[in-house]
Amino acid sequence: MELKQLEYFVTACDCGSLSKAAIKLYTTQPNVSKVIKALEKELENTLFERTNKGLKVTSYGQSIYEYAKNILKNANLITNIETEGKPSVFTISSYPSNIIATLLVKLYQNNPNILIENHQGTVDEITTQVAHGISQIGILYVSEKQLAAFRHIISHKKLEFIELAKKQACIYVGPNSPLYSKKSISIEDLFSLRFVRGLNDFFSMEHHLDEVNVGTIGFEKLDFAVYTNSEHFVTNLLLKTDIVELGINLASSKYHQYDIKNLWIEEEYTYLSIGYVMEKDHVLTNTAKEFVEYLKYMLSL
């Protein structure tokens, strides 16, 4: 019997639903169901009845509920005693990102005794770092069209992907662009534009165009006029020329303080699934959960 099994059981009892428990535990419903079934098998007793009206705790489940809560409470006390005086560590992998950096600063401000490690890399590097235990979670995004294949690939690394939001691909344009007055743009119109590429930011797709295929956009056919890693240079290009930049459509964009707009791309398959990868059957630490909540809130704006 593992503490994780008891945690999933107690949370499912408290929530009255496997799907709600999955949200609270920062995992998926199938994973919650799998863990609880493993506990039932070990105990040789049924803990829940699955009915049309939802989840119902059996009499046996009710009899061990308080015992399970007390075990988890005592385990938490022991953990706190062992780590007293030691800073907790939060390790995370992501694409290079100003927004992720801002959220990590907020996390530190609310937890001044924490030790933060932020590793940056490509999709493959991020998933490898999480699989090897270098990072607790990895923040990334995947084309919705490729999501099923991506989940299958990372399952071989014993990882799972938890989606936090779906966002459309977009382009950023400045006041000198003839598209400035528009709200959206067609796929066909993309190929008549000139782009800047190379800004290493999580919410810019240029960082790994070769790894993410968004719908029918053929990135290799786009006209990239400028390559740079200077955010200041990109901002000035957008403000003073008709050059545009690919990105992700967010209500609170990275250019919100400038006269720069984001136009969503009119195509069914231009949605991106944004979320995090973690090791299967692992439970997020409280610090990791706090960071995920920050990111989830930002994506909801």
Protein backbone atom coordinates (compact mmCIF):
# COMPACT_ATOMS: atom_id res chain seq x y z
CA MET A 1 0.00 0.00 0.00
CA GLU A 2 1.31 3.44 -0.95
CA LEU A 3 0.56 6.89 0.45
CA LYS A 4 -0.38 7.99 -3.04
CA GLN A 5 -3.15 5.39 -3.17
CA LEU A 6 -4.57 6.66 0.11
CA GLU A 7 -4.33 10.27 -1.07
CA TYR A 8 -6.24 9.48 -4.25
CA PHE A 9 -8.86 7.53 -2.29
CA VAL A 10 -9.41 10.30 0.28
CA THR A 11 -9.52 13.00 -2.40
CA ALA A 12 -12.06 11.04 -4.44
CA CYS A 13 -14.19 10.64 -1.31
CA ASP A 14 -14.01 14.35 -0.54
CA CYS A 15 -14.78 15.37 -4.12
CA GLY A 16 -17.43 12.74 -4.79
CA SER A 17 -16.15 12.42 -8.33
CA LEU A 18 -13.10 10.96 -10.05
CA SER A 19 -12.95 13.83 -12.54
CA LYS A 20 -13.04 16.46 -9.77
CA ALA A 21 -10.43 14.49 -7.82
CA ALA A 22 -8.20 14.43 -10.91
CA ILE A 23 -8.38 18.22 -11.16
CA LYS A 24 -7.52 18.62 -7.49
CA LEU A 25 -4.67 16.11 -7.75
CA TYR A 26 -3.34 17.67 -10.99
CA THR A 27 -3.62 14.46 -12.95
CA THR A 28 -6.06 12.69 -15.26
CA GLN A 29 -9.27 10.83 -14.44
CA PRO A 30 -8.01 7.51 -15.90
CA ASN A 31 -4.95 7.76 -13.67
CA VAL A 32 -7.08 8.34 -10.54
CA SER A 33 -9.26 5.38 -11.47
CA LYS A 34 -6.19 3.19 -12.07
CA VAL A 35 -4.61 4.04 -8.70
CA ILE A 36 -7.84 3.46 -6.77
CA LYS A 37 -8.49 0.14 -8.54
CA ALA A 38 -4.97 -0.97 -7.57
CA LEU A 39 -5.76 -0.11 -3.93
CA GLU A 40 -9.04 -2.02 -4.10
CA LYS A 41 -7.22 -5.03 -5.50
CA GLU A 42 -4.66 -4.90 -2.70
CA LEU A 43 -7.34 -4.54 -0.02
CA GLU A 44 -9.51 -7.17 -1.73
CA ASN A 45 -12.51 -4.92 -1.19
CA THR A 46 -14.51 -2.41 -3.21
CA LEU A 47 -14.13 1.20 -2.11
CA PHE A 48 -16.56 2.84 -4.52
CA GLU A 49 -19.69 1.94 -6.40
CA ARG A 50 -19.77 3.46 -9.89
CA THR A 51 -23.39 4.46 -10.51
CA ASN A 52 -25.17 6.57 -13.11
CA LYS A 53 -25.48 9.29 -10.47
CA GLY A 54 -21.75 9.34 -9.83
CA LEU A 55 -19.37 7.92 -7.26
CA LYS A 56 -20.72 6.33 -4.08
CA VAL A 57 -18.46 5.23 -1.22
CA THR A 58 -19.12 1.67 -0.06
CA SER A 59 -19.62 0.85 3.60
CA TYR A 60 -16.11 -0.63 3.61
CA GLY A 61 -14.73 2.55 2.07
CA GLN A 62 -16.44 4.63 4.73
CA SER A 63 -14.96 2.44 7.48
CA ILE A 64 -11.37 3.10 6.39
CA TYR A 65 -11.80 6.73 5.29
CA GLU A 66 -10.84 8.29 8.65
CA TYR A 67 -7.93 5.87 9.09
CA ALA A 68 -6.61 6.88 5.66
CA LYS A 69 -6.95 10.59 6.53
CA ASN A 70 -5.02 10.12 9.76
CA ILE A 71 -2.24 8.21 8.00
CA LEU A 72 -1.85 11.02 5.46
CA LYS A 73 -1.89 13.64 8.22
CA ASN A 74 0.81 11.84 10.21
CA ALA A 75 2.91 11.25 7.10
CA ASN A 76 2.75 14.98 6.39
CA LEU A 77 3.89 15.76 9.95
CA ILE A 78 6.85 13.40 9.58
CA THR A 79 7.82 15.01 6.27
CA ASN A 80 7.71 18.48 7.80
CA ILE A 81 9.96 17.37 10.69
CA GLU A 82 12.49 15.84 8.28
CA THR A 83 12.67 18.95 6.12
CA GLU A 84 12.59 21.52 8.90
CA GLY A 85 15.27 24.13 8.29
CA LYS A 86 15.87 22.92 4.74
CA PRO A 87 14.58 24.89 1.75
CA SER A 88 12.10 23.06 -0.47
CA VAL A 89 13.25 22.62 -4.06
CA PHE A 90 11.16 23.23 -7.16
CA THR A 91 12.62 22.11 -10.48
CA ILE A 92 10.96 22.95 -13.78
CA SER A 93 11.81 22.66 -17.48
CA SER A 94 10.33 24.86 -20.20
CA TYR A 95 11.07 26.72 -23.40
CA PRO A 96 12.88 30.03 -22.74
CA SER A 97 10.08 32.36 -21.66
CA ASN A 98 9.61 35.79 -20.12
CA ILE A 99 6.16 34.79 -18.92
CA ILE A 100 7.38 31.61 -17.24
CA ALA A 101 10.15 33.69 -15.64
CA THR A 102 7.56 36.17 -14.34
CA LEU A 103 5.50 33.35 -12.80
CA LEU A 104 8.62 31.89 -11.15
CA VAL A 105 9.38 35.29 -9.63
CA LYS A 106 5.84 35.39 -8.24
CA LEU A 107 6.32 31.87 -6.85
CA TYR A 108 9.54 32.95 -5.12
CA GLN A 109 7.92 36.10 -3.70
CA ASN A 110 5.25 33.96 -2.06
CA ASN A 111 7.80 31.32 -0.96
CA PRO A 112 11.04 33.17 -0.07
CA ASN A 113 12.67 30.03 1.38
CA ILE A 114 12.27 28.00 -1.79
CA LEU A 115 15.11 26.88 -4.06
CA ILE A 116 14.16 27.13 -7.76
CA GLU A 117 15.87 25.41 -10.69
CA ASN A 118 14.66 26.40 -14.17
CA HIS A 119 15.99 24.29 -17.06
CA GLN A 120 15.30 25.35 -20.64
CA GLY A 121 15.30 23.41 -23.86
CA THR A 122 13.39 21.82 -26.74
CA VAL A 123 10.40 19.49 -26.46
CA ASP A 124 12.67 16.44 -26.42
CA GLU A 125 15.02 17.98 -23.85
CA ILE A 126 12.12 19.00 -21.60
CA THR A 127 10.53 15.54 -21.62
CA THR A 128 13.91 13.86 -21.09
CA GLN A 129 14.69 16.09 -18.10
CA VAL A 130 11.37 15.20 -16.49
CA ALA A 131 11.78 11.48 -17.28
CA HIS A 132 15.24 11.47 -15.65
CA GLY A 133 14.00 13.28 -12.54
CA ILE A 134 15.97 16.45 -13.29
CA SER A 135 12.73 18.44 -13.28
CA GLN A 136 9.46 17.81 -11.47
CA ILE A 137 7.38 19.17 -14.35
CA GLY A 138 7.95 20.38 -17.89
CA ILE A 139 5.87 23.19 -19.40
CA LEU A 140 5.26 22.94 -23.14
CA TYR A 141 2.68 23.12 -25.88
CA VAL A 142 1.76 20.78 -28.71
CA SER A 143 -0.36 21.13 -31.82
CA GLU A 144 -3.81 19.74 -31.11
CA LYS A 145 -3.46 17.73 -34.32
CA GLN A 146 -0.33 16.04 -32.92
CA LEU A 147 -1.50 15.63 -29.32
CA ALA A 148 -2.49 11.94 -29.53
CA ALA A 149 0.84 11.01 -31.11
CA PHE A 150 2.71 13.12 -28.54
CA ARG A 151 0.97 11.38 -25.62
CA HIS A 152 1.89 7.99 -27.13
CA ILE A 153 5.54 8.99 -27.57
CA ILE A 154 6.01 10.29 -24.01
CA SER A 155 4.24 7.25 -22.56
CA HIS A 156 7.40 5.30 -23.48
CA LYS A 157 9.27 7.67 -21.14
CA LYS A 158 6.63 6.89 -18.47
CA LEU A 159 5.32 10.44 -18.65
CA GLU A 160 1.85 11.93 -18.96
CA PHE A 161 0.71 15.28 -20.37
CA ILE A 162 -1.81 17.34 -18.41
CA GLU A 163 -3.54 19.94 -20.57
CA LEU A 164 -4.25 23.32 -19.00
CA ALA A 165 -5.68 25.22 -21.96
CA LYS A 166 -6.19 25.28 -25.71
CA LYS A 167 -5.10 28.42 -27.56
CA GLN A 168 -5.05 29.39 -31.21
CA ALA A 169 -1.98 30.29 -33.19
CA CYS A 170 -1.78 33.97 -34.10
CA ILE A 171 0.44 36.62 -35.62
CA TYR A 172 1.59 39.82 -33.96
CA VAL A 173 1.32 42.98 -36.07
CA GLY A 174 2.19 46.63 -35.48
CA PRO A 175 0.58 49.90 -36.68
CA ASN A 176 2.57 49.86 -39.95
CA SER A 177 1.10 46.55 -41.04
CA PRO A 178 -1.79 46.68 -43.56
CA LEU A 179 -3.43 44.01 -41.38
CA TYR A 180 -3.49 46.19 -38.27
CA SER A 181 -7.25 46.89 -38.47
CA LYS A 182 -8.14 43.20 -38.81
CA LYS A 183 -9.02 40.73 -36.07
CA SER A 184 -7.98 37.56 -37.88
CA ILE A 185 -6.06 36.30 -40.90
CA SER A 186 -6.44 33.38 -43.27
CA ILE A 187 -3.84 30.68 -43.84
CA GLU A 188 -3.37 31.85 -47.42
CA ASP A 189 -2.57 35.42 -46.32
CA LEU A 190 0.33 34.20 -44.20
CA PHE A 191 2.41 33.41 -47.26
CA SER A 192 2.32 37.03 -48.47
CA LEU A 193 3.83 38.36 -45.21
CA ARG A 194 7.38 38.80 -44.01
CA PHE A 195 8.27 37.32 -40.61
CA VAL A 196 10.82 37.71 -37.86
CA ARG A 197 12.09 34.41 -36.46
CA GLY A 198 14.26 33.38 -33.54
CA LEU A 199 12.80 35.05 -30.45
CA ASN A 200 13.29 32.47 -27.70
CA ASP A 201 10.01 32.79 -25.86
CA PHE A 202 7.51 30.16 -24.76
CA PHE A 203 4.63 32.00 -26.41
CA SER A 204 6.43 32.44 -29.70
CA MET A 205 6.42 29.40 -31.98
CA GLU A 206 9.62 30.40 -33.73
CA HIS A 207 11.68 28.76 -30.99
CA HIS A 208 10.89 25.29 -32.31
CA LEU A 209 9.07 25.58 -35.62
CA ASP A 210 10.65 22.38 -36.85
CA GLU A 211 9.13 20.43 -33.93
CA VAL A 212 5.59 21.81 -33.94
CA ASN A 213 3.37 21.52 -36.99
CA VAL A 214 0.24 23.65 -36.64
CA GLY A 215 -2.48 22.44 -38.94
CA THR A 216 -1.80 23.23 -42.58
CA ILE A 217 0.79 25.95 -41.99
CA GLY A 218 3.93 25.06 -43.93
CA PHE A 219 6.52 26.95 -41.89
CA GLU A 220 9.27 26.25 -44.38
CA LYS A 221 7.30 28.22 -47.01
CA LEU A 222 6.95 31.37 -44.90
CA ASP A 223 9.11 34.38 -45.73
CA PHE A 224 11.45 34.95 -42.76
CA ALA A 225 13.17 38.29 -43.28
CA VAL A 226 14.89 38.66 -39.89
CA TYR A 227 16.49 36.17 -37.49
CA THR A 228 17.25 37.43 -33.99
CA ASN A 229 17.15 36.54 -30.29
CA SER A 230 16.78 40.19 -29.25
CA GLU A 231 13.32 40.90 -27.84
CA HIS A 232 13.99 44.65 -28.10
CA PHE A 233 14.81 44.29 -31.81
CA VAL A 234 11.64 42.27 -32.47
CA THR A 235 9.46 44.79 -30.64
CA ASN A 236 10.88 47.66 -32.68
CA LEU A 237 10.45 45.72 -35.93
CA LEU A 238 6.79 45.17 -35.13
CA LEU A 239 6.25 48.80 -34.15
CA LYS A 240 8.11 50.44 -37.04
CA THR A 241 7.83 48.03 -40.03
CA ASP A 242 5.28 45.72 -41.64
CA ILE A 243 7.15 42.61 -40.43
CA VAL A 244 5.02 40.21 -38.32
CA GLU A 245 5.68 37.47 -35.78
CA LEU A 246 4.05 34.11 -35.13
CA GLY A 247 2.75 33.44 -31.64
CA ILE A 248 -0.07 32.12 -29.47
CA ASN A 249 -3.32 34.05 -29.14
CA LEU A 250 -3.65 35.21 -25.52
CA ALA A 251 -5.93 37.90 -24.12
CA SER A 252 -2.94 39.22 -22.18
CA SER A 253 -0.21 39.07 -24.81
CA LYS A 254 3.48 39.71 -24.22
CA TYR A 255 3.12 42.98 -26.14
CA HIS A 256 0.14 44.34 -24.20
CA GLN A 257 2.03 47.53 -23.25
CA TYR A 258 2.79 48.32 -26.90
CA ASP A 259 0.72 49.30 -29.92
CA ILE A 260 0.93 45.72 -31.18
CA LYS A 261 -2.06 43.46 -31.86
CA ASN A 262 -2.47 39.70 -32.14
CA LEU A 263 -4.61 38.36 -35.02
CA TRP A 264 -5.87 34.80 -34.71
CA ILE A 265 -5.38 32.47 -37.66
CA GLU A 266 -8.57 31.23 -39.34
CA GLU A 267 -7.97 27.50 -39.54
CA GLU A 268 -9.55 24.54 -37.79
CA TYR A 269 -6.24 22.93 -36.86
CA THR A 270 -4.36 25.95 -35.51
CA TYR A 271 -5.12 25.20 -31.88
CA LEU A 272 -2.29 24.43 -29.48
CA SER A 273 -2.63 22.38 -26.32
CA ILE A 274 -0.68 24.05 -23.48
CA GLY A 275 0.12 22.12 -20.33
CA TYR A 276 2.78 20.20 -18.45
CA VAL A 277 4.41 16.79 -18.45
CA MET A 278 5.13 14.82 -15.30
CA GLU A 279 6.11 11.28 -14.38
CA LYS A 280 3.20 8.83 -14.37
CA ASP A 281 1.83 7.91 -10.94
CA HIS A 282 3.69 10.78 -9.28
CA VAL A 283 1.99 13.39 -7.12
CA LEU A 284 2.88 17.06 -7.57
CA THR A 285 4.42 18.83 -4.61
CA ASN A 286 2.50 21.75 -3.12
CA THR A 287 4.98 24.15 -4.73
CA ALA A 288 4.48 22.59 -8.16
CA LYS A 289 0.71 22.78 -7.68
CA GLU A 290 1.00 26.45 -6.77
CA PHE A 291 3.00 27.20 -9.92
CA VAL A 292 0.55 25.28 -12.09
CA GLU A 293 -2.29 27.35 -10.62
CA TYR A 294 -0.44 30.55 -11.57
CA LEU A 295 -0.01 29.32 -15.13
CA LYS A 296 -3.60 28.08 -15.37
CA TYR A 297 -4.89 31.47 -14.23
CA MET A 298 -2.70 33.33 -16.72
CA LEU A 299 -3.96 31.12 -19.55
CA SER A 300 -7.58 31.73 -18.53
CA LEU A 301 -7.32 35.50 -19.02
